[in-house]
Amino acid sequence: SYGIPAYYLNGRQFIYFAGYKKHVSLYPVPRQHEAFEQVLSE
């Protein structure tokens, strides 16, 4: 989906990932959630 790997459960997407020249990306990620805010800030 959108040209990158996407995963669906219950008829809706829940995670994508993508590769690039210098990094890999994961989305959507819960940056604002308190359990992840600190570690994702890195």
All heavy atoms as atom14 arrays in JSON, in Angstrom:
{
  "sequence": "SYGIPAYYLNGRQFIYFAGYKKHVSLYPVPRQHEAFEQVLSE",
  "atom14_mask": [
    [1, 1, 1, 1, 1, 1, 0, 0, 0, 0, 0, 0, 0, 0],
    [1, 1, 1, 1, 1, 1, 1, 1, 1, 1, 1, 1, 0, 0],
    [1, 1, 1, 1, 0, 0, 0, 0, 0, 0, 0, 0, 0, 0],
    [1, 1, 1, 1, 1, 1, 1, 1, 0, 0, 0, 0, 0, 0],
    [1, 1, 1, 1, 1, 1, 1, 0, 0, 0, 0, 0, 0, 0],
    [1, 1, 1, 1, 1, 0, 0, 0, 0, 0, 0, 0, 0, 0],
    [1, 1, 1, 1, 1, 1, 1, 1, 1, 1, 1, 1, 0, 0],
    [1, 1, 1, 1, 1, 1, 1, 1, 1, 1, 1, 1, 0, 0],
    [1, 1, 1, 1, 1, 1, 1, 1, 0, 0, 0, 0, 0, 0],
    [1, 1, 1, 1, 1, 1, 1, 1, 0, 0, 0, 0, 0, 0],
    [1, 1, 1, 1, 0, 0, 0, 0, 0, 0, 0, 0, 0, 0],
    [1, 1, 1, 1, 1, 1, 1, 1, 1, 1, 1, 0, 0, 0],
    [1, 1, 1, 1, 1, 1, 1, 1, 1, 0, 0, 0, 0, 0],
    [1, 1, 1, 1, 1, 1, 1, 1, 1, 1, 1, 0, 0, 0],
    [1, 1, 1, 1, 1, 1, 1, 1, 0, 0, 0, 0, 0, 0],
    [1, 1, 1, 1, 1, 1, 1, 1, 1, 1, 1, 1, 0, 0],
    [1, 1, 1, 1, 1, 1, 1, 1, 1, 1, 1, 0, 0, 0],
    [1, 1, 1, 1, 1, 0, 0, 0, 0, 0, 0, 0, 0, 0],
    [1, 1, 1, 1, 0, 0, 0, 0, 0, 0, 0, 0, 0, 0],
    [1, 1, 1, 1, 1, 1, 1, 1, 1, 1, 1, 1, 0, 0],
    [1, 1, 1, 1, 1, 1, 1, 1, 1, 0, 0, 0, 0, 0],
    [1, 1, 1, 1, 1, 1, 1, 1, 1, 0, 0, 0, 0, 0],
    [1, 1, 1, 1, 1, 1, 1, 1, 1, 1, 0, 0, 0, 0],
    [1, 1, 1, 1, 1, 1, 1, 0, 0, 0, 0, 0, 0, 0],
    [1, 1, 1, 1, 1, 1, 0, 0, 0, 0, 0, 0, 0, 0],
    [1, 1, 1, 1, 1, 1, 1, 1, 0, 0, 0, 0, 0, 0],
    [1, 1, 1, 1, 1, 1, 1, 1, 1, 1, 1, 1, 0, 0],
    [1, 1, 1, 1, 1, 1, 1, 0, 0, 0, 0, 0, 0, 0],
    [1, 1, 1, 1, 1, 1, 1, 0, 0, 0, 0, 0, 0, 0],
    [1, 1, 1, 1, 1, 1, 1, 0, 0, 0, 0, 0, 0, 0],
    [1, 1, 1, 1, 1, 1, 1, 1, 1, 1, 1, 0, 0, 0],
    [1, 1, 1, 1, 1, 1, 1, 1, 1, 0, 0, 0, 0, 0],
    [1, 1, 1, 1, 1, 1, 1, 1, 1, 1, 0, 0, 0, 0],
    [1, 1, 1, 1, 1, 1, 1, 1, 1, 0, 0, 0, 0, 0],
    [1, 1, 1, 1, 1, 0, 0, 0, 0, 0, 0, 0, 0, 0],
    [1, 1, 1, 1, 1, 1, 1, 1, 1, 1, 1, 0, 0, 0],
    [1, 1, 1, 1, 1, 1, 1, 1, 1, 0, 0, 0, 0, 0],
    [1, 1, 1, 1, 1, 1, 1, 1, 1, 0, 0, 0, 0, 0],
    [1, 1, 1, 1, 1, 1, 1, 0, 0, 0, 0, 0, 0, 0],
    [1, 1, 1, 1, 1, 1, 1, 1, 0, 0, 0, 0, 0, 0],
    [1, 1, 1, 1, 1, 1, 0, 0, 0, 0, 0, 0, 0, 0],
    [1, 1, 1, 1, 1, 1, 1, 1, 1, 0, 0, 0, 0, 0]
  ],
  "atom14_positions": [
    [[0.86, -1.17, 0.0], [0.0, 0.0, 0.0], [0.91, 1.23, 0.0], [1.9, 1.26, 0.73], [-0.9, -0.01, 1.24], [-1.76, 1.09, 1.24], [0.0, 0.0, 0.0], [0.0, 0.0, 0.0], [0.0, 0.0, 0.0], [0.0, 0.0, 0.0], [0.0, 0.0, 0.0], [0.0, 0.0, 0.0], [0.0, 0.0, 0.0], [0.0, 0.0, 0.0]],
    [[0.58, 2.19, -0.81], [1.44, 3.37, -0.97], [2.85, 2.97, -1.4], [3.83, 3.63, -1.07], [1.49, 4.22, 0.3], [0.15, 4.73, 0.75], [-0.5, 4.16, 1.84], [-0.49, 5.75, 0.07], [-1.74, 4.61, 2.24], [-1.73, 6.21, 0.46], [-2.35, 5.64, 1.55], [-3.58, 6.09, 1.94], [0.0, 0.0, 0.0], [0.0, 0.0, 0.0]],
    [[2.97, 1.82, -2.06], [4.26, 1.36, -2.58], [5.16, 0.7, -1.55], [6.32, 0.41, -1.85], [0.0, 0.0, 0.0], [0.0, 0.0, 0.0], [0.0, 0.0, 0.0], [0.0, 0.0, 0.0], [0.0, 0.0, 0.0], [0.0, 0.0, 0.0], [0.0, 0.0, 0.0], [0.0, 0.0, 0.0], [0.0, 0.0, 0.0], [0.0, 0.0, 0.0]],
    [[4.66, 0.47, -0.33], [5.47, -0.15, 0.72], [4.68, -1.27, 1.4], [3.47, -1.33, 1.3], [5.93, 0.9, 1.77], [4.72, 1.54, 2.47], [6.83, 1.95, 1.14], [5.08, 2.48, 3.61], [0.0, 0.0, 0.0], [0.0, 0.0, 0.0], [0.0, 0.0, 0.0], [0.0, 0.0, 0.0], [0.0, 0.0, 0.0], [0.0, 0.0, 0.0]],
    [[5.38, -2.16, 2.13], [4.67, -3.24, 2.84], [3.71, -2.7, 3.89], [4.04, -1.81, 4.66], [5.81, -4.03, 3.5], [6.99, -3.77, 2.62], [6.83, -2.33, 2.19], [0.0, 0.0, 0.0], [0.0, 0.0, 0.0], [0.0, 0.0, 0.0], [0.0, 0.0, 0.0], [0.0, 0.0, 0.0], [0.0, 0.0, 0.0], [0.0, 0.0, 0.0]],
    [[2.5, -3.26, 3.87], [1.45, -2.87, 4.81], [0.81, -4.14, 5.36], [0.73, -5.15, 4.66], [0.41, -2.02, 4.1], [0.0, 0.0, 0.0], [0.0, 0.0, 0.0], [0.0, 0.0, 0.0], [0.0, 0.0, 0.0], [0.0, 0.0, 0.0], [0.0, 0.0, 0.0], [0.0, 0.0, 0.0], [0.0, 0.0, 0.0], [0.0, 0.0, 0.0]],
    [[0.36, -4.07, 6.6], [-0.25, -5.23, 7.25], [-1.61, -4.84, 7.79], [-1.77, -3.77, 8.38], [0.67, -5.74, 8.36], [1.93, -6.3, 7.76], [2.99, -5.46, 7.42], [2.05, -7.66, 7.49], [4.14, -5.96, 6.81], [3.18, -8.16, 6.9], [4.22, -7.31, 6.56], [5.34, -7.81, 5.95], [0.0, 0.0, 0.0], [0.0, 0.0, 0.0]],
    [[-2.59, -5.74, 7.56], [-3.97, -5.48, 7.91], [-4.5, -6.56, 8.85], [-4.22, -7.74, 8.67], [-4.86, -5.5, 6.65], [-4.58, -4.36, 5.71], [-3.48, -4.37, 4.87], [-5.42, -3.27, 5.66], [-3.23, -3.32, 4.0], [-5.17, -2.2, 4.8], [-4.07, -2.25, 3.97], [-3.83, -1.19, 3.12], [0.0, 0.0, 0.0], [0.0, 0.0, 0.0]],
    [[-5.26, -6.13, 9.83], [-6.03, -7.0, 10.71], [-7.42, -6.4, 10.8], [-7.57, -5.18, 10.83], [-5.43, -7.06, 12.12], [-4.23, -7.96, 12.35], [-3.7, -7.77, 13.76], [-4.58, -9.41, 12.11], [0.0, 0.0, 0.0], [0.0, 0.0, 0.0], [0.0, 0.0, 0.0], [0.0, 0.0, 0.0], [0.0, 0.0, 0.0], [0.0, 0.0, 0.0]],
    [[-8.42, -7.25, 10.86], [-9.79, -6.77, 11.01], [-10.18, -5.77, 9.93], [-10.93, -4.84, 10.17], [-10.0, -6.16, 12.4], [-9.62, -7.12, 13.5], [-10.1, -8.25, 13.53], [-8.74, -6.69, 14.39], [0.0, 0.0, 0.0], [0.0, 0.0, 0.0], [0.0, 0.0, 0.0], [0.0, 0.0, 0.0], [0.0, 0.0, 0.0], [0.0, 0.0, 0.0]],
    [[-9.6, -5.95, 8.74], [-9.95, -5.08, 7.63], [-9.31, -3.71, 7.65], [-9.63, -2.86, 6.82], [0.0, 0.0, 0.0], [0.0, 0.0, 0.0], [0.0, 0.0, 0.0], [0.0, 0.0, 0.0], [0.0, 0.0, 0.0], [0.0, 0.0, 0.0], [0.0, 0.0, 0.0], [0.0, 0.0, 0.0], [0.0, 0.0, 0.0], [0.0, 0.0, 0.0]],
    [[-8.38, -3.46, 8.57], [-7.73, -2.15, 8.61], [-6.23, -2.32, 8.84], [-5.79, -3.24, 9.51], [-8.36, -1.25, 9.67], [-8.27, -1.8, 11.06], [-8.78, -0.87, 12.15], [-9.58, 0.19, 11.63], [-10.7, 0.64, 12.17], [-11.12, 0.12, 13.29], [-11.38, 1.62, 11.65], [0.0, 0.0, 0.0], [0.0, 0.0, 0.0], [0.0, 0.0, 0.0]],
    [[-5.49, -1.39, 8.26], [-4.03, -1.46, 8.4], [-3.64, -1.18, 9.85], [-4.31, -0.45, 10.55], [-3.33, -0.5, 7.44], [-3.51, 0.97, 7.72], [-2.65, 1.53, 8.84], [-1.64, 0.96, 9.22], [-3.06, 2.63, 9.4], [0.0, 0.0, 0.0], [0.0, 0.0, 0.0], [0.0, 0.0, 0.0], [0.0, 0.0, 0.0], [0.0, 0.0, 0.0]],
    [[-2.51, -1.79, 10.24], [-2.01, -1.46, 11.58], [-0.53, -1.11, 11.58], [-0.06, -0.47, 12.51], [-2.32, -2.57, 12.6], [-1.54, -3.84, 12.4], [-0.38, -4.09, 13.12], [-1.99, -4.81, 11.5], [0.32, -5.27, 12.94], [-1.3, -5.98, 11.33], [-0.14, -6.22, 12.04], [0.0, 0.0, 0.0], [0.0, 0.0, 0.0], [0.0, 0.0, 0.0]],
    [[0.21, -1.48, 10.53], [1.64, -1.15, 10.52], [2.16, -1.2, 9.08], [1.7, -1.99, 8.27], [2.45, -2.09, 11.45], [3.8, -1.49, 11.85], [2.63, -3.46, 10.84], [3.73, -0.6, 13.04], [0.0, 0.0, 0.0], [0.0, 0.0, 0.0], [0.0, 0.0, 0.0], [0.0, 0.0, 0.0], [0.0, 0.0, 0.0], [0.0, 0.0, 0.0]],
    [[3.11, -0.31, 8.79], [3.82, -0.28, 7.51], [5.31, -0.26, 7.84], [5.72, 0.22, 8.9], [3.57, 1.03, 6.75], [2.17, 1.28, 6.27], [1.23, 1.89, 7.09], [1.81, 0.97, 4.97], [-0.05, 2.18, 6.63], [0.53, 1.26, 4.5], [-0.39, 1.85, 5.33], [-1.65, 2.14, 4.87], [0.0, 0.0, 0.0], [0.0, 0.0, 0.0]],
    [[6.14, -0.71, 6.89], [7.57, -0.47, 7.01], [8.12, -0.16, 5.63], [7.5, -0.45, 4.61], [8.32, -1.63, 7.68], [8.41, -2.91, 6.89], [9.41, -3.12, 5.96], [7.5, -3.93, 7.11], [9.49, -4.31, 5.25], [7.57, -5.13, 6.42], [8.57, -5.31, 5.48], [0.0, 0.0, 0.0], [0.0, 0.0, 0.0], [0.0, 0.0, 0.0]],
    [[9.29, 0.48, 5.61], [9.89, 0.87, 4.33], [11.4, 0.92, 4.46], [11.93, 1.18, 5.54], [9.35, 2.23, 3.89], [0.0, 0.0, 0.0], [0.0, 0.0, 0.0], [0.0, 0.0, 0.0], [0.0, 0.0, 0.0], [0.0, 0.0, 0.0], [0.0, 0.0, 0.0], [0.0, 0.0, 0.0], [0.0, 0.0, 0.0], [0.0, 0.0, 0.0]],
    [[12.06, 0.66, 3.37], [13.52, 0.74, 3.32], [13.96, 1.95, 2.53], [13.3, 2.36, 1.56], [0.0, 0.0, 0.0], [0.0, 0.0, 0.0], [0.0, 0.0, 0.0], [0.0, 0.0, 0.0], [0.0, 0.0, 0.0], [0.0, 0.0, 0.0], [0.0, 0.0, 0.0], [0.0, 0.0, 0.0], [0.0, 0.0, 0.0], [0.0, 0.0, 0.0]],
    [[15.06, 2.53, 2.94], [15.63, 3.69, 2.26], [17.14, 3.51, 2.2], [17.69, 2.54, 2.73], [15.27, 4.98, 3.0], [13.78, 5.23, 3.01], [12.99, 4.8, 4.08], [13.16, 5.86, 1.94], [11.61, 5.01, 4.08], [11.78, 6.06, 1.93], [11.02, 5.63, 2.99], [9.67, 5.82, 2.99], [0.0, 0.0, 0.0], [0.0, 0.0, 0.0]],
    [[17.82, 4.46, 1.61], [19.27, 4.36, 1.41], [20.04, 4.28, 2.74], [20.96, 3.51, 2.88], [19.76, 5.54, 0.59], [21.2, 5.43, 0.17], [21.58, 6.57, -0.76], [23.01, 6.41, -1.23], [23.38, 7.45, -2.19], [0.0, 0.0, 0.0], [0.0, 0.0, 0.0], [0.0, 0.0, 0.0], [0.0, 0.0, 0.0], [0.0, 0.0, 0.0]],
    [[19.61, 5.09, 3.72], [20.36, 5.16, 4.97], [19.58, 4.75, 6.21], [20.11, 4.79, 7.31], [20.89, 6.58, 5.17], [21.9, 6.99, 4.11], [22.48, 8.34, 4.39], [23.49, 8.7, 3.31], [24.16, 9.95, 3.57], [0.0, 0.0, 0.0], [0.0, 0.0, 0.0], [0.0, 0.0, 0.0], [0.0, 0.0, 0.0], [0.0, 0.0, 0.0]],
    [[18.3, 4.38, 6.03], [17.5, 3.99, 7.19], [16.34, 3.1, 6.74], [16.08, 2.97, 5.55], [16.97, 5.22, 7.93], [15.95, 6.0, 7.18], [16.27, 6.95, 6.24], [14.59, 5.96, 7.22], [15.16, 7.47, 5.73], [14.13, 6.89, 6.31], [0.0, 0.0, 0.0], [0.0, 0.0, 0.0], [0.0, 0.0, 0.0], [0.0, 0.0, 0.0]],
    [[15.68, 2.52, 7.73], [14.39, 1.87, 7.51], [13.38, 2.6, 8.39], [13.74, 3.15, 9.44], [14.41, 0.35, 7.84], [15.32, -0.39, 6.86], [14.83, 0.08, 9.27], [0.0, 0.0, 0.0], [0.0, 0.0, 0.0], [0.0, 0.0, 0.0], [0.0, 0.0, 0.0], [0.0, 0.0, 0.0], [0.0, 0.0, 0.0], [0.0, 0.0, 0.0]],
    [[12.15, 2.63, 7.93], [11.11, 3.34, 8.68], [9.98, 2.4, 9.06], [9.71, 1.43, 8.36], [10.53, 4.49, 7.84], [11.46, 5.52, 7.71], [0.0, 0.0, 0.0], [0.0, 0.0, 0.0], [0.0, 0.0, 0.0], [0.0, 0.0, 0.0], [0.0, 0.0, 0.0], [0.0, 0.0, 0.0], [0.0, 0.0, 0.0], [0.0, 0.0, 0.0]],
    [[9.34, 2.73, 10.15], [8.18, 2.01, 10.64], [7.11, 3.05, 10.91], [7.4, 4.09, 11.49], [8.55, 1.28, 11.93], [7.55, 0.29, 12.51], [7.43, -0.94, 11.61], [7.99, -0.13, 13.9], [0.0, 0.0, 0.0], [0.0, 0.0, 0.0], [0.0, 0.0, 0.0], [0.0, 0.0, 0.0], [0.0, 0.0, 0.0], [0.0, 0.0, 0.0]],
    [[5.87, 2.76, 10.49], [4.79, 3.68, 10.76], [3.45, 3.0, 10.67], [3.36, 1.97, 10.01], [4.78, 4.9, 9.87], [5.51, 4.9, 8.56], [5.28, 5.9, 7.64], [6.42, 3.93, 8.2], [5.94, 5.95, 6.44], [7.09, 3.97, 7.0], [6.85, 4.97, 6.12], [7.49, 5.03, 4.92], [0.0, 0.0, 0.0], [0.0, 0.0, 0.0]],
    [[2.46, 3.54, 11.33], [2.55, 4.64, 12.29], [3.09, 4.14, 13.63], [2.85, 3.0, 14.0], [1.1, 5.1, 12.44], [0.27, 3.92, 12.09], [1.07, 3.11, 11.11], [0.0, 0.0, 0.0], [0.0, 0.0, 0.0], [0.0, 0.0, 0.0], [0.0, 0.0, 0.0], [0.0, 0.0, 0.0], [0.0, 0.0, 0.0], [0.0, 0.0, 0.0]],
    [[3.81, 5.0, 14.28], [4.35, 4.68, 15.6], [3.74, 5.64, 16.64], [3.45, 6.78, 16.31], [5.89, 4.74, 15.65], [6.5, 3.69, 14.74], [6.41, 6.11, 15.3], [0.0, 0.0, 0.0], [0.0, 0.0, 0.0], [0.0, 0.0, 0.0], [0.0, 0.0, 0.0], [0.0, 0.0, 0.0], [0.0, 0.0, 0.0], [0.0, 0.0, 0.0]],
    [[3.58, 5.17, 17.86], [2.92, 5.98, 18.9], [3.88, 6.94, 19.6], [4.17, 6.8, 20.79], [2.38, 4.92, 19.86], [3.36, 3.79, 19.74], [3.81, 3.79, 18.31], [0.0, 0.0, 0.0], [0.0, 0.0, 0.0], [0.0, 0.0, 0.0], [0.0, 0.0, 0.0], [0.0, 0.0, 0.0], [0.0, 0.0, 0.0], [0.0, 0.0, 0.0]],
    [[4.41, 7.92, 18.87], [5.39, 8.86, 19.45], [4.85, 9.6, 20.66], [5.59, 9.91, 21.57], [5.84, 9.88, 18.4], [6.87, 9.33, 17.45], [7.55, 10.46, 16.7], [8.62, 9.95, 15.87], [9.87, 9.77, 16.3], [10.19, 10.07, 17.53], [10.8, 9.3, 15.5], [0.0, 0.0, 0.0], [0.0, 0.0, 0.0], [0.0, 0.0, 0.0]],
    [[3.57, 9.92, 20.67], [3.01, 10.71, 21.77], [2.57, 9.85, 22.96], [2.23, 10.38, 24.01], [1.81, 11.53, 21.28], [2.19, 12.84, 20.6], [2.89, 12.64, 19.27], [2.49, 11.8, 18.48], [3.94, 13.39, 19.02], [0.0, 0.0, 0.0], [0.0, 0.0, 0.0], [0.0, 0.0, 0.0], [0.0, 0.0, 0.0], [0.0, 0.0, 0.0]],
    [[2.59, 8.55, 22.81], [2.18, 7.68, 23.92], [3.3, 7.64, 24.95], [4.47, 7.49, 24.62], [1.88, 6.27, 23.4], [1.2, 5.41, 24.4], [1.87, 4.74, 25.39], [-0.12, 5.12, 24.58], [1.01, 4.07, 26.12], [-0.2, 4.28, 25.65], [0.0, 0.0, 0.0], [0.0, 0.0, 0.0], [0.0, 0.0, 0.0], [0.0, 0.0, 0.0]],
    [[2.93, 7.77, 26.22], [3.94, 7.87, 27.28], [4.88, 6.67, 27.34], [6.04, 6.81, 27.7], [3.27, 8.09, 28.63], [2.38, 6.95, 29.09], [1.65, 7.25, 30.38], [1.03, 8.33, 30.47], [1.69, 6.4, 31.27], [0.0, 0.0, 0.0], [0.0, 0.0, 0.0], [0.0, 0.0, 0.0], [0.0, 0.0, 0.0], [0.0, 0.0, 0.0]],
    [[4.41, 5.5, 26.95], [5.27, 4.32, 26.99], [6.37, 4.36, 25.93], [7.38, 3.68, 26.07], [4.42, 3.05, 26.8], [0.0, 0.0, 0.0], [0.0, 0.0, 0.0], [0.0, 0.0, 0.0], [0.0, 0.0, 0.0], [0.0, 0.0, 0.0], [0.0, 0.0, 0.0], [0.0, 0.0, 0.0], [0.0, 0.0, 0.0], [0.0, 0.0, 0.0]],
    [[6.2, 5.18, 24.9], [7.16, 5.21, 23.79], [7.82, 6.57, 23.59], [8.8, 6.68, 22.86], [6.47, 4.81, 22.48], [5.99, 3.4, 22.47], [4.66, 3.11, 22.76], [6.84, 2.35, 22.19], [4.2, 1.8, 22.76], [6.4, 1.04, 22.19], [5.08, 0.77, 22.47], [0.0, 0.0, 0.0], [0.0, 0.0, 0.0], [0.0, 0.0, 0.0]],
    [[7.29, 7.59, 24.21], [7.75, 8.96, 23.96], [9.26, 9.12, 24.16], [9.96, 9.64, 23.28], [6.99, 9.93, 24.88], [7.13, 11.36, 24.48], [6.19, 12.25, 25.27], [5.69, 11.83, 26.34], [5.98, 13.38, 24.81], [0.0, 0.0, 0.0], [0.0, 0.0, 0.0], [0.0, 0.0, 0.0], [0.0, 0.0, 0.0], [0.0, 0.0, 0.0]],
    [[9.79, 8.63, 25.26], [11.21, 8.8, 25.57], [12.09, 8.0, 24.61], [13.03, 8.54, 24.02], [11.48, 8.36, 27.02], [12.94, 8.48, 27.43], [13.41, 9.93, 27.48], [12.65, 10.83, 27.81], [14.66, 10.16, 27.15], [0.0, 0.0, 0.0], [0.0, 0.0, 0.0], [0.0, 0.0, 0.0], [0.0, 0.0, 0.0], [0.0, 0.0, 0.0]],
    [[11.79, 6.73, 24.43], [12.65, 5.88, 23.61], [12.59, 6.27, 22.14], [13.61, 6.23, 21.44], [12.33, 4.37, 23.82], [10.98, 4.01, 23.28], [13.42, 3.5, 23.24], [0.0, 0.0, 0.0], [0.0, 0.0, 0.0], [0.0, 0.0, 0.0], [0.0, 0.0, 0.0], [0.0, 0.0, 0.0], [0.0, 0.0, 0.0], [0.0, 0.0, 0.0]],
    [[11.43, 6.71, 21.65], [11.33, 7.11, 20.24], [11.96, 8.47, 19.98], [12.27, 8.8, 18.84], [9.87, 7.08, 19.78], [9.3, 5.69, 19.55], [7.8, 5.77, 19.23], [10.03, 4.95, 18.44], [0.0, 0.0, 0.0], [0.0, 0.0, 0.0], [0.0, 0.0, 0.0], [0.0, 0.0, 0.0], [0.0, 0.0, 0.0], [0.0, 0.0, 0.0]],
    [[12.17, 9.25, 21.03], [12.82, 10.55, 20.84], [14.27, 10.39, 20.37], [14.85, 11.33, 19.84], [12.77, 11.37, 22.13], [13.6, 10.8, 23.12], [0.0, 0.0, 0.0], [0.0, 0.0, 0.0], [0.0, 0.0, 0.0], [0.0, 0.0, 0.0], [0.0, 0.0, 0.0], [0.0, 0.0, 0.0], [0.0, 0.0, 0.0], [0.0, 0.0, 0.0]],
    [[14.82, 9.2, 20.52], [16.19, 8.92, 20.07], [16.28, 8.72, 18.56], [17.38, 8.65, 18.02], [16.73, 7.68, 20.77], [16.78, 7.78, 22.28], [17.14, 6.47, 22.95], [17.78, 5.61, 22.3], [16.78, 6.31, 24.13], [0.0, 0.0, 0.0], [0.0, 0.0, 0.0], [0.0, 0.0, 0.0], [0.0, 0.0, 0.0], [0.0, 0.0, 0.0]]
  ]
}
